N, C-alpha and C. Protein backbone atom coordinates (compact mmCIF):
# COMPACT_ATOMS: atom_id res chain seq x y z
N LEU A 1 -45.38 6.11 16.52
CA LEU A 1 -45.68 5.04 15.71
C LEU A 1 -44.84 3.61 16.15
N ALA A 2 -43.44 3.90 16.34
CA ALA A 2 -42.37 3.43 16.88
C ALA A 2 -42.83 2.60 18.20
N ASN A 3 -43.90 3.07 18.97
CA ASN A 3 -43.99 2.02 20.33
C ASN A 3 -45.41 1.70 19.71
N LEU A 4 -46.27 2.04 18.64
CA LEU A 4 -47.16 0.58 18.83
C LEU A 4 -46.93 0.04 17.83
N LYS A 5 -45.65 0.07 16.12
CA LYS A 5 -45.03 -1.36 16.55
C LYS A 5 -43.72 -1.92 16.93
N MET A 6 -43.77 -1.22 17.80
CA MET A 6 -42.90 -2.75 18.81
C MET A 6 -43.88 -3.06 20.01
N GLY A 7 -45.52 -3.09 19.92
CA GLY A 7 -45.92 -3.09 20.41
C GLY A 7 -46.63 -2.92 22.49
N GLU A 8 -45.81 -1.34 22.54
CA GLU A 8 -45.60 -0.74 23.51
C GLU A 8 -47.08 0.42 23.37
N PHE A 9 -48.23 -0.45 23.89
CA PHE A 9 -49.18 -0.32 23.47
C PHE A 9 -50.07 0.88 24.47
N GLU A 10 -49.63 1.07 24.88
CA GLU A 10 -49.27 2.43 26.71
C GLU A 10 -49.22 3.08 25.97
N ALA A 11 -47.53 2.69 25.75
CA ALA A 11 -47.16 4.11 25.12
C ALA A 11 -46.97 4.65 24.17
N ALA A 12 -47.85 4.31 23.41
CA ALA A 12 -48.68 5.16 22.28
C ALA A 12 -48.93 5.27 21.90
N ILE A 13 -50.74 4.88 22.98
CA ILE A 13 -51.29 5.72 23.13
C ILE A 13 -50.78 7.54 23.41
N ALA A 14 -50.08 7.00 25.31
CA ALA A 14 -49.48 8.28 25.09
C ALA A 14 -49.53 9.36 23.82
N ASP A 15 -48.64 8.30 22.92
CA ASP A 15 -48.04 9.75 22.36
C ASP A 15 -48.97 9.81 20.77
N PHE A 16 -49.80 8.25 20.83
CA PHE A 16 -51.45 9.74 20.28
C PHE A 16 -51.67 11.07 21.00
N ASP A 17 -52.15 10.89 22.18
CA ASP A 17 -52.99 11.49 22.66
C ASP A 17 -51.93 13.01 22.14
N LYS A 18 -51.02 12.80 22.56
CA LYS A 18 -50.06 14.75 22.26
C LYS A 18 -50.26 14.41 20.64
N ALA A 19 -50.59 13.81 19.93
CA ALA A 19 -51.02 13.86 18.51
C ALA A 19 -51.62 14.80 19.03
N VAL A 20 -52.99 14.18 19.28
CA VAL A 20 -54.01 14.87 19.24
C VAL A 20 -55.09 16.16 19.87
N GLU A 21 -53.71 15.93 20.75
CA GLU A 21 -53.50 17.49 21.57
C GLU A 21 -52.94 18.68 20.76
N PHE A 22 -52.41 18.11 19.41
CA PHE A 22 -51.03 19.63 18.84
C PHE A 22 -51.99 19.11 17.42
N GLU A 23 -52.67 18.14 17.37
CA GLU A 23 -53.54 18.13 15.94
C GLU A 23 -55.16 17.91 16.52
N PRO A 24 -56.29 18.73 16.65
CA PRO A 24 -57.15 18.26 17.50
C PRO A 24 -57.58 18.09 15.27
N ASN A 25 -57.40 18.08 14.99
CA ASN A 25 -58.02 18.04 13.57
C ASN A 25 -58.12 17.23 12.16
N SER A 26 -57.11 16.18 12.92
CA SER A 26 -56.26 15.43 12.00
C SER A 26 -56.76 13.89 12.18
N PRO A 27 -57.02 13.37 11.25
CA PRO A 27 -57.84 11.90 11.40
C PRO A 27 -56.79 11.01 11.38
N PHE A 28 -56.32 11.03 11.18
CA PHE A 28 -54.18 10.16 11.68
C PHE A 28 -53.98 10.23 12.74
N ALA A 29 -54.15 10.95 13.33
CA ALA A 29 -54.08 11.03 15.59
C ALA A 29 -54.39 9.93 15.59
N TYR A 30 -56.50 10.29 15.53
CA TYR A 30 -57.62 9.65 15.86
C TYR A 30 -57.16 8.48 15.37
N PHE A 31 -57.14 7.79 13.95
CA PHE A 31 -56.89 6.43 13.39
C PHE A 31 -55.46 5.75 14.35
N ASN A 32 -54.91 6.10 14.72
CA ASN A 32 -53.29 5.36 15.12
C ASN A 32 -53.33 5.76 16.70
N ARG A 33 -54.18 6.34 17.46
CA ARG A 33 -54.90 5.99 18.44
C ARG A 33 -55.22 5.21 18.54
N GLY A 34 -56.85 4.89 17.89
CA GLY A 34 -57.47 3.80 17.49
C GLY A 34 -57.02 2.72 17.51
N ASN A 35 -55.78 2.28 16.81
CA ASN A 35 -55.14 1.16 16.91
C ASN A 35 -54.63 0.58 17.37
N ALA A 36 -53.55 1.89 18.58
CA ALA A 36 -52.55 1.32 19.78
C ALA A 36 -54.26 0.99 20.75
N HIS A 37 -55.14 1.46 20.83
CA HIS A 37 -56.25 1.52 22.18
C HIS A 37 -56.70 -0.79 21.07
N ARG A 38 -57.34 -0.63 20.08
CA ARG A 38 -57.67 -1.30 19.22
C ARG A 38 -56.33 -2.78 20.08
N ASN A 39 -55.27 -2.18 19.79
CA ASN A 39 -54.40 -3.45 20.18
C ASN A 39 -54.28 -3.92 21.53
N ALA A 40 -54.23 -2.56 22.82
CA ALA A 40 -54.43 -3.10 23.67
C ALA A 40 -55.97 -3.78 24.38
N GLY A 41 -56.75 -4.12 23.40
CA GLY A 41 -57.54 -3.99 23.51
C GLY A 41 -59.15 -3.57 24.52
N ASN A 42 -58.20 -2.17 24.30
CA ASN A 42 -59.56 -1.20 24.93
C ASN A 42 -60.36 -1.28 23.42
N PHE A 43 -61.59 -1.18 23.35
CA PHE A 43 -62.45 -1.69 21.93
C PHE A 43 -62.79 -0.39 21.61
N ASP A 44 -63.74 0.10 23.13
CA ASP A 44 -64.50 0.87 23.13
C ASP A 44 -64.17 2.10 22.65
N ASN A 45 -62.81 2.28 23.45
CA ASN A 45 -62.27 3.13 23.01
C ASN A 45 -61.21 3.30 21.26
N ALA A 46 -60.79 2.70 20.94
CA ALA A 46 -61.08 2.72 19.46
C ALA A 46 -62.21 2.64 18.15
N VAL A 47 -62.82 2.41 18.83
CA VAL A 47 -64.19 2.72 18.12
C VAL A 47 -64.79 4.84 17.94
N GLU A 48 -64.24 4.88 19.39
CA GLU A 48 -64.64 5.95 19.22
C GLU A 48 -63.22 7.26 18.84
N ASP A 49 -62.16 6.62 19.01
CA ASP A 49 -61.46 7.19 17.83
C ASP A 49 -61.24 6.80 16.29
N TYR A 50 -61.45 5.76 16.23
CA TYR A 50 -62.26 5.74 14.50
C TYR A 50 -63.42 6.48 13.92
N THR A 51 -64.34 6.48 14.97
CA THR A 51 -65.98 7.30 14.49
C THR A 51 -65.24 9.09 14.70
N ARG A 52 -64.18 9.43 15.22
CA ARG A 52 -63.98 10.96 15.04
C ARG A 52 -62.88 10.85 13.96
N ALA A 53 -61.99 9.88 13.33
CA ALA A 53 -61.21 10.38 12.63
C ALA A 53 -62.39 10.05 11.05
N ILE A 54 -63.58 9.50 11.36
CA ILE A 54 -64.40 9.01 10.20
C ILE A 54 -64.80 10.68 9.95
N GLU A 55 -65.15 11.02 11.85
CA GLU A 55 -66.28 11.90 10.84
C GLU A 55 -65.22 13.76 10.42
N LEU A 56 -63.80 12.90 11.01
CA LEU A 56 -62.96 14.63 10.24
C LEU A 56 -62.72 14.04 8.50
N ASP A 57 -62.37 12.74 8.57
CA ASP A 57 -62.47 12.44 7.08
C ASP A 57 -63.43 11.28 6.39
N ALA A 58 -64.55 11.68 5.82
CA ALA A 58 -66.07 10.38 5.75
C ALA A 58 -65.50 9.99 4.79
N LYS A 59 -64.03 9.81 3.81
CA LYS A 59 -64.03 8.86 3.10
C LYS A 59 -63.19 8.02 3.09
N TYR A 60 -62.68 8.23 4.67
CA TYR A 60 -61.31 7.39 5.33
C TYR A 60 -61.59 5.66 5.31
N GLU A 61 -61.43 5.88 4.66
CA GLU A 61 -61.99 3.71 4.16
C GLU A 61 -61.40 3.23 5.40
N LEU A 62 -60.02 3.13 5.40
CA LEU A 62 -59.37 2.34 6.62
C LEU A 62 -59.68 2.58 7.67
N ALA A 63 -60.46 4.08 8.67
CA ALA A 63 -61.01 3.63 9.77
C ALA A 63 -61.95 3.51 9.49
N TYR A 64 -63.42 3.61 8.14
CA TYR A 64 -64.16 2.26 8.59
C TYR A 64 -64.35 0.93 8.37
N VAL A 65 -62.42 0.17 8.12
CA VAL A 65 -62.25 -1.18 8.33
C VAL A 65 -61.95 -1.35 9.49
N ASN A 66 -61.10 -0.80 10.23
CA ASN A 66 -60.52 -0.65 11.45
C ASN A 66 -61.42 -0.74 12.69
N ARG A 67 -62.64 0.27 12.46
CA ARG A 67 -63.82 0.44 13.35
C ARG A 67 -64.58 -1.14 13.18
N ALA A 68 -64.70 -1.32 11.71
CA ALA A 68 -65.37 -2.60 11.24
C ALA A 68 -64.71 -4.01 12.46
N GLN A 69 -63.35 -3.81 12.50
CA GLN A 69 -62.62 -4.87 13.63
C GLN A 69 -62.99 -4.46 15.16
N ALA A 70 -63.08 -3.51 15.36
CA ALA A 70 -63.05 -3.08 16.96
C ALA A 70 -64.68 -3.74 16.55
N TYR A 71 -65.99 -3.18 16.10
CA TYR A 71 -66.85 -3.28 16.73
C TYR A 71 -66.91 -5.20 16.40
N ALA A 72 -66.37 -6.27 15.52
CA ALA A 72 -66.30 -7.34 15.77
C ALA A 72 -65.53 -8.38 17.06
N GLN A 73 -64.41 -7.01 17.04
CA GLN A 73 -63.67 -7.97 18.59
C GLN A 73 -64.26 -7.86 19.60
N LYS A 74 -65.77 -6.63 19.92
CA LYS A 74 -66.85 -6.78 21.31
C LYS A 74 -67.47 -6.94 21.02
N GLY A 75 -68.05 -7.46 20.00
CA GLY A 75 -68.88 -8.39 19.62
C GLY A 75 -70.07 -7.79 18.66
N THR A 76 -69.79 -6.67 18.81
CA THR A 76 -70.96 -5.97 18.00
C THR A 76 -71.09 -6.17 16.31
N ILE A 77 -72.25 -7.60 16.80
CA ILE A 77 -71.63 -7.84 14.97
C ILE A 77 -72.45 -6.67 13.70
N ASP A 78 -73.77 -5.87 14.22
CA ASP A 78 -74.43 -5.33 12.98
C ASP A 78 -73.62 -4.22 12.39
N MET A 79 -73.05 -4.23 13.92
CA MET A 79 -72.59 -2.50 13.58
C MET A 79 -71.17 -2.69 12.25
N CYS A 80 -70.47 -3.96 12.59
CA CYS A 80 -69.45 -4.50 12.00
C CYS A 80 -70.10 -4.33 10.40
N LYS A 81 -70.72 -5.72 10.15
CA LYS A 81 -71.14 -5.62 9.18
C LYS A 81 -71.98 -3.84 8.25
N ALA A 82 -72.60 -3.27 9.12
CA ALA A 82 -72.48 -1.41 8.59
C ALA A 82 -71.34 -0.92 8.00
N ASP A 83 -70.66 -1.04 8.96
CA ASP A 83 -69.08 -0.24 7.95
C ASP A 83 -68.32 -1.44 6.97
N CYS A 84 -68.67 -2.17 7.76
CA CYS A 84 -68.32 -2.92 5.86
C CYS A 84 -68.88 -2.91 5.09
N ALA A 85 -69.94 -2.67 4.79
CA ALA A 85 -70.99 -2.21 3.48
C ALA A 85 -70.20 -1.06 3.45
N LYS A 86 -70.64 0.11 3.77
CA LYS A 86 -69.62 1.81 3.63
C LYS A 86 -68.98 1.02 3.04
N VAL A 87 -67.78 0.28 3.70
CA VAL A 87 -66.42 0.03 2.39
C VAL A 87 -66.55 -0.28 1.54
N GLN A 88 -67.39 -0.87 1.32
CA GLN A 88 -67.83 -1.87 -0.01
C GLN A 88 -68.77 -0.81 -1.06
N GLU A 89 -68.98 -0.27 -0.89
CA GLU A 89 -69.62 1.58 -1.54
C GLU A 89 -68.46 2.05 -2.21
N MET A 90 -67.12 2.14 -1.43
CA MET A 90 -65.84 2.56 -1.98
C MET A 90 -65.06 2.34 -3.07
N GLU A 91 -64.15 3.14 -2.81
CA GLU A 91 -63.07 3.24 -4.52
C GLU A 91 -62.35 2.41 -3.39
N ASN A 92 -61.56 2.25 -2.49
CA ASN A 92 -60.44 1.93 -2.10
C ASN A 92 -60.66 0.40 -2.21
N GLN A 93 -59.69 -0.29 -3.30
CA GLN A 93 -59.76 -1.67 -3.54
C GLN A 93 -58.71 -3.01 -1.96
N HIS A 94 -57.91 -1.97 -1.89
CA HIS A 94 -57.62 -2.78 -0.45
C HIS A 94 -58.38 -2.45 0.65
N ALA A 95 -59.38 -1.49 0.91
CA ALA A 95 -59.43 -1.69 1.92
C ALA A 95 -61.41 -2.46 1.63
N ILE A 96 -61.16 -2.99 0.68
CA ILE A 96 -62.39 -3.60 0.25
C ILE A 96 -62.59 -4.99 -0.14
N THR A 97 -61.63 -5.06 0.10
CA THR A 97 -60.76 -6.68 0.19
C THR A 97 -60.60 -7.02 1.28
N LEU A 98 -59.93 -6.16 2.63
CA LEU A 98 -60.05 -6.23 4.05
C LEU A 98 -61.27 -6.26 4.34
N ALA A 99 -62.14 -5.34 4.22
CA ALA A 99 -63.62 -5.87 4.44
C ALA A 99 -64.07 -6.83 4.00
N LYS A 100 -63.90 -7.25 2.54
CA LYS A 100 -64.87 -8.78 2.33
C LYS A 100 -64.15 -10.14 3.89
N ASP A 101 -62.35 -9.38 3.92
CA ASP A 101 -61.82 -10.69 4.84
C ASP A 101 -62.19 -10.54 6.08
N LEU A 102 -62.66 -9.47 6.56
CA LEU A 102 -63.46 -9.50 7.74
C LEU A 102 -64.22 -9.76 7.73
N LEU A 103 -65.38 -9.75 6.97
CA LEU A 103 -66.83 -10.57 7.09
C LEU A 103 -66.78 -12.84 7.27
N LYS A 104 -65.70 -12.96 6.27
CA LYS A 104 -66.04 -14.22 5.92
C LYS A 104 -65.22 -14.72 7.87
N THR A 105 -64.21 -13.95 8.79
CA THR A 105 -64.46 -14.46 9.44
C THR A 105 -65.13 -14.48 11.05
N ILE A 106 -66.63 -13.28 10.71
CA ILE A 106 -67.44 -13.70 11.18
C ILE A 106 -68.36 -14.81 11.02
N LYS A 107 -68.50 -15.45 12.51
CA LYS A 107 -69.38 -16.88 11.91
C LYS A 107 -70.74 -16.58 12.74
N PRO A 108 -72.17 -17.02 11.39
CA PRO A 108 -73.04 -16.65 12.03
C PRO A 108 -73.77 -16.73 13.23
N GLU A 109 -74.37 -15.56 14.39
CA GLU A 109 -74.98 -15.73 14.61
C GLU A 109 -75.91 -17.30 15.25
N LYS A 110 -75.92 -17.98 15.59
CA LYS A 110 -77.22 -19.23 16.51
C LYS A 110 -78.10 -18.35 16.65
N LYS A 111 -79.20 -19.37 15.78
CA LYS A 111 -80.47 -18.99 16.35
C LYS A 111 -81.10 -19.57 17.99
N LYS A 112 -81.10 -18.78 18.89
CA LYS A 112 -81.66 -19.71 20.07
C LYS A 112 -82.79 -19.97 19.83
N LYS A 113 -82.81 -21.86 19.97
CA LYS A 113 -83.95 -22.55 19.86
C LYS A 113 -84.81 -22.01 20.95
N LYS A 114 -86.39 -21.54 21.03
CA LYS A 114 -86.65 -21.69 21.70
C LYS A 114 -87.41 -23.21 22.58
N LYS A 115 -87.98 -22.85 24.03
CA LYS A 115 -88.08 -23.73 24.75
C LYS A 115 -89.07 -24.71 24.74
N PRO A 116 -89.66 -25.36 24.66
CA PRO A 116 -90.78 -26.01 24.21
C PRO A 116 -92.08 -25.42 25.61
N LYS A 117 -93.74 -25.17 25.96
CA LYS A 117 -93.72 -24.50 26.66
C LYS A 117 -94.13 -25.72 27.19
N ALA A 118 -94.26 -26.07 28.94
CA ALA A 118 -94.70 -26.99 29.97
C ALA A 118 -96.29 -27.34 30.37
């Protein structure tokens, strides 16, 4: 976690690779590696790791929140909204607040204007 907190994301990813190898059934190892990937801008890898954390612990609210953030950062807004909706069904008020705050930052998609036919 030290490398992640110091902003050394590639080193943190390497550390969490070892954690995943050592404890492949730990949702926390995948969650933390997902955080490192997301902070490094590797949003697809982050989504994969958060998804694996959720597969291992379906009630891991913060994994849903962080996956929603990664989806938002990569522009997959529908998936972001789906994860936020899932979090709002859970009991963790902190996670619910985070999900609601994330939804407030998402700009509504503009509808494309149809060009008049010539």
